Amino acid sequence: MGATVETVKETSNWWALALRAVAAILLGLIALMAPGVTLAAIITLFGVFAMADGIFAIVAALRGIKHHTRWGWMLFEGIVGIAAGAIALLYPAIGALALAWLIGGWALATGVLEIAAAIRLRKVMKREWLLLLGGVLSIIFALIVAFRPGISVLLLVMWVGIFALAHGLVTLALAFRVRRWSRDNAAAPAPV
């Protein structure tokens, strides 16, 4: 299946995926290296990460609008990320249980939207499974939080760290695959 010019333009925002991945990796490393941080700091870290992730998703959606591609799901994911981040930043006194549900809900929404995007991307890129894996990891993390909402803050930090690190690494690998695919197909002629 040949790549269309529209598809190549749509995947040229690989850098937005890479920035989202770096933000997730940084959050994961901070959470794992300093697990004794206070609940307020954890909430702030999550809030900043979710807002940055949401902003990068909206940037990608706006690029999709510019190139006349489908952008609605990415915009929705960005709005969900910004809303989750804003709640965490505006109400830092929420308890560990509320934080767990907030993070779990965000991970579930992100996972579902990433799986939907992966299904769409598979129509364009063969053997592409990294975004699907990222979405599955998000949903698994959300289910763990849902079944264990009363976990300690320290364990929550460890889970967030492991999830963010794993998800960030998978997303970074995807960004570089999209970049390589975009380069390989940049000169592809439009199908007649």
Protein backbone atom coordinates (compact mmCIF):
# COMPACT_ATOMS: atom_id res chain seq x y z
CA MET A 1 0.00 0.00 0.00
CA GLY A 2 1.55 3.32 -1.07
CA ALA A 3 1.69 6.26 1.26
CA THR A 4 -0.39 9.28 0.42
CA VAL A 5 0.98 12.80 0.75
CA GLU A 6 -1.64 13.46 3.44
CA THR A 7 -0.48 10.44 5.45
CA VAL A 8 3.16 11.50 5.28
CA LYS A 9 2.24 15.01 6.45
CA GLU A 10 0.18 13.53 9.28
CA THR A 11 3.13 11.48 10.55
CA SER A 12 5.63 14.32 10.23
CA ASN A 13 4.86 15.38 13.79
CA TRP A 14 6.92 12.51 15.20
CA TRP A 15 8.70 15.06 17.37
CA ALA A 16 5.49 15.67 19.37
CA LEU A 17 5.44 11.95 20.20
CA ALA A 18 9.12 12.13 21.15
CA LEU A 19 8.52 15.12 23.48
CA ARG A 20 5.61 13.31 25.14
CA ALA A 21 7.86 10.28 25.60
CA VAL A 22 10.66 12.33 27.15
CA ALA A 23 8.18 13.93 29.58
CA ALA A 24 6.96 10.47 30.61
CA ILE A 25 10.51 9.13 31.00
CA LEU A 26 11.51 12.10 33.17
CA LEU A 27 8.44 11.64 35.37
CA GLY A 28 9.22 7.93 35.71
CA LEU A 29 12.84 8.51 36.65
CA ILE A 30 12.00 11.20 39.20
CA ALA A 31 9.29 9.04 40.78
CA LEU A 32 11.58 5.99 41.03
CA MET A 33 14.68 7.84 42.24
CA ALA A 34 12.87 9.91 44.92
CA PRO A 35 9.95 7.78 46.17
CA GLY A 36 9.81 9.53 49.54
CA VAL A 37 8.53 12.81 48.14
CA THR A 38 5.39 14.28 49.67
CA LEU A 39 1.91 13.72 48.32
CA ALA A 40 1.71 17.35 47.22
CA ALA A 41 4.88 16.92 45.17
CA ILE A 42 3.52 13.74 43.58
CA ILE A 43 0.30 15.51 42.67
CA THR A 44 2.26 18.43 41.24
CA LEU A 45 4.50 16.09 39.20
CA PHE A 46 1.48 14.29 37.81
CA GLY A 47 -0.33 17.57 37.12
CA VAL A 48 2.62 19.01 35.21
CA PHE A 49 3.11 15.76 33.28
CA ALA A 50 -0.58 15.43 32.37
CA MET A 51 -0.75 19.09 31.29
CA ALA A 52 2.44 18.79 29.18
CA ASP A 53 1.17 15.56 27.64
CA GLY A 54 -2.17 17.24 26.91
CA ILE A 55 -0.50 20.28 25.36
CA PHE A 56 1.67 18.10 23.10
CA ALA A 57 -1.42 16.12 22.06
CA ILE A 58 -3.27 19.35 21.20
CA VAL A 59 -0.26 20.58 19.21
CA ALA A 60 -0.36 17.34 17.23
CA ALA A 61 -4.13 17.77 16.73
CA LEU A 62 -3.66 21.35 15.50
CA ARG A 63 -1.07 20.12 13.02
CA GLY A 64 -3.65 17.56 11.90
CA ILE A 65 -6.18 20.37 11.31
CA LYS A 66 -3.58 22.26 9.28
CA HIS A 67 -2.96 19.24 7.07
CA HIS A 68 -6.68 18.39 6.81
CA THR A 69 -6.32 15.06 8.57
CA ARG A 70 -8.39 13.46 11.28
CA TRP A 71 -7.53 15.22 14.50
CA GLY A 72 -10.53 14.84 16.81
CA TRP A 73 -9.27 11.98 19.00
CA MET A 74 -5.89 13.61 19.54
CA LEU A 75 -7.63 16.87 20.51
CA PHE A 76 -9.89 14.98 22.94
CA GLU A 77 -6.87 13.20 24.48
CA GLY A 78 -5.17 16.58 24.91
CA ILE A 79 -8.22 18.10 26.59
CA VAL A 80 -8.49 15.11 28.96
CA GLY A 81 -4.78 15.43 29.84
CA ILE A 82 -5.03 19.16 30.51
CA ALA A 83 -8.20 18.70 32.60
CA ALA A 84 -6.58 15.95 34.70
CA GLY A 85 -3.47 18.08 35.16
CA ALA A 86 -5.48 21.17 36.09
CA ILE A 87 -7.47 19.26 38.72
CA ALA A 88 -4.24 17.94 40.23
CA LEU A 89 -2.60 21.37 40.27
CA LEU A 90 -5.62 23.38 41.48
CA TYR A 91 -6.58 20.97 44.28
CA PRO A 92 -3.27 19.68 45.72
CA ALA A 93 -4.86 18.78 49.05
CA ILE A 94 -6.76 15.82 47.61
CA GLY A 95 -5.99 12.54 49.29
CA ALA A 96 -4.06 9.57 47.98
CA LEU A 97 -7.28 7.76 47.10
CA ALA A 98 -8.53 10.65 44.97
CA LEU A 99 -5.13 10.90 43.31
CA ALA A 100 -5.19 7.19 42.53
CA TRP A 101 -8.62 7.49 40.89
CA LEU A 102 -7.55 10.61 38.99
CA ILE A 103 -4.42 8.92 37.65
CA GLY A 104 -6.31 5.70 36.90
CA GLY A 105 -9.03 7.56 34.98
CA TRP A 106 -6.44 9.51 33.01
CA ALA A 107 -4.50 6.31 32.20
CA LEU A 108 -7.70 4.56 31.07
CA ALA A 109 -8.77 7.45 28.80
CA THR A 110 -5.25 7.75 27.36
CA GLY A 111 -5.02 4.00 26.78
CA VAL A 112 -8.35 3.76 24.96
CA LEU A 113 -7.51 6.75 22.76
CA GLU A 114 -4.03 5.37 21.97
CA ILE A 115 -5.48 2.00 20.97
CA ALA A 116 -7.97 3.78 18.69
CA ALA A 117 -5.10 5.77 17.14
CA ALA A 118 -3.03 2.58 16.74
CA ILE A 119 -5.84 0.88 14.87
CA ARG A 120 -6.01 3.82 12.49
CA LEU A 121 -2.20 3.95 12.13
CA ARG A 122 -2.04 0.22 11.34
CA LYS A 123 -3.96 0.96 8.14
CA VAL A 124 -1.02 3.12 7.03
CA MET A 125 2.08 1.53 8.58
CA LYS A 126 2.60 -2.22 8.41
CA ARG A 127 3.73 -4.11 11.51
CA GLU A 128 3.13 -1.08 13.71
CA TRP A 129 2.37 -2.21 17.26
CA LEU A 130 4.15 0.19 19.62
CA LEU A 131 1.28 2.66 20.02
CA LEU A 132 -1.07 -0.27 20.62
CA LEU A 133 1.32 -1.58 23.29
CA GLY A 134 1.42 1.87 24.92
CA GLY A 135 -2.38 1.93 25.04
CA VAL A 136 -2.53 -1.56 26.52
CA LEU A 137 0.05 -0.58 29.18
CA SER A 138 -2.09 2.46 30.05
CA ILE A 139 -5.22 0.32 30.45
CA ILE A 140 -3.39 -2.31 32.53
CA PHE A 141 -2.08 0.45 34.80
CA ALA A 142 -5.61 1.90 35.12
CA LEU A 143 -6.99 -1.52 36.08
CA ILE A 144 -4.28 -2.01 38.72
CA VAL A 145 -5.18 1.35 40.25
CA ALA A 146 -8.92 0.55 40.07
CA PHE A 147 -8.53 -2.76 41.91
CA ARG A 148 -6.07 -1.37 44.49
CA PRO A 149 -7.20 2.24 45.14
CA GLY A 150 -6.17 2.23 48.79
CA ILE A 151 -2.49 1.72 48.05
CA SER A 152 0.11 3.65 49.96
CA VAL A 153 1.55 6.84 48.52
CA LEU A 154 4.97 5.24 48.22
CA LEU A 155 3.59 2.32 46.21
CA LEU A 156 1.58 4.75 44.07
CA VAL A 157 4.77 6.68 43.32
CA MET A 158 6.53 3.45 42.33
CA TRP A 159 3.64 2.41 40.07
CA VAL A 160 3.50 5.83 38.45
CA GLY A 161 7.26 5.73 37.96
CA ILE A 162 7.30 2.27 36.41
CA PHE A 163 4.30 3.05 34.21
CA ALA A 164 5.63 6.43 33.05
CA LEU A 165 9.08 5.00 32.31
CA ALA A 166 7.73 1.99 30.38
CA HIS A 167 5.15 4.05 28.51
CA GLY A 168 7.71 6.75 27.73
CA LEU A 169 10.22 4.24 26.33
CA VAL A 170 7.55 2.60 24.15
CA THR A 171 6.33 6.00 22.90
CA LEU A 172 9.90 7.14 22.17
CA ALA A 173 10.53 3.99 20.12
CA LEU A 174 7.28 4.68 18.25
CA ALA A 175 8.32 8.30 17.57
CA PHE A 176 11.53 7.15 15.93
CA ARG A 177 9.69 4.51 13.88
CA VAL A 178 7.21 7.16 12.69
CA ARG A 179 10.12 9.48 11.88
CA ARG A 180 11.86 6.77 9.84
CA TRP A 181 8.60 5.83 8.08
CA SER A 182 7.86 9.49 7.32
CA ARG A 183 11.33 9.99 5.82
CA ASP A 184 11.09 6.82 3.76
CA ASN A 185 7.73 7.89 2.36
CA ALA A 186 8.34 11.65 2.03
CA ALA A 187 9.17 11.36 -1.65
CA ALA A 188 6.38 8.89 -2.39
CA PRO A 189 4.13 10.03 -5.21
CA ALA A 190 0.46 10.46 -4.49
CA PRO A 191 -1.64 7.54 -5.79
CA VAL A 192 -3.60 8.24 -8.92
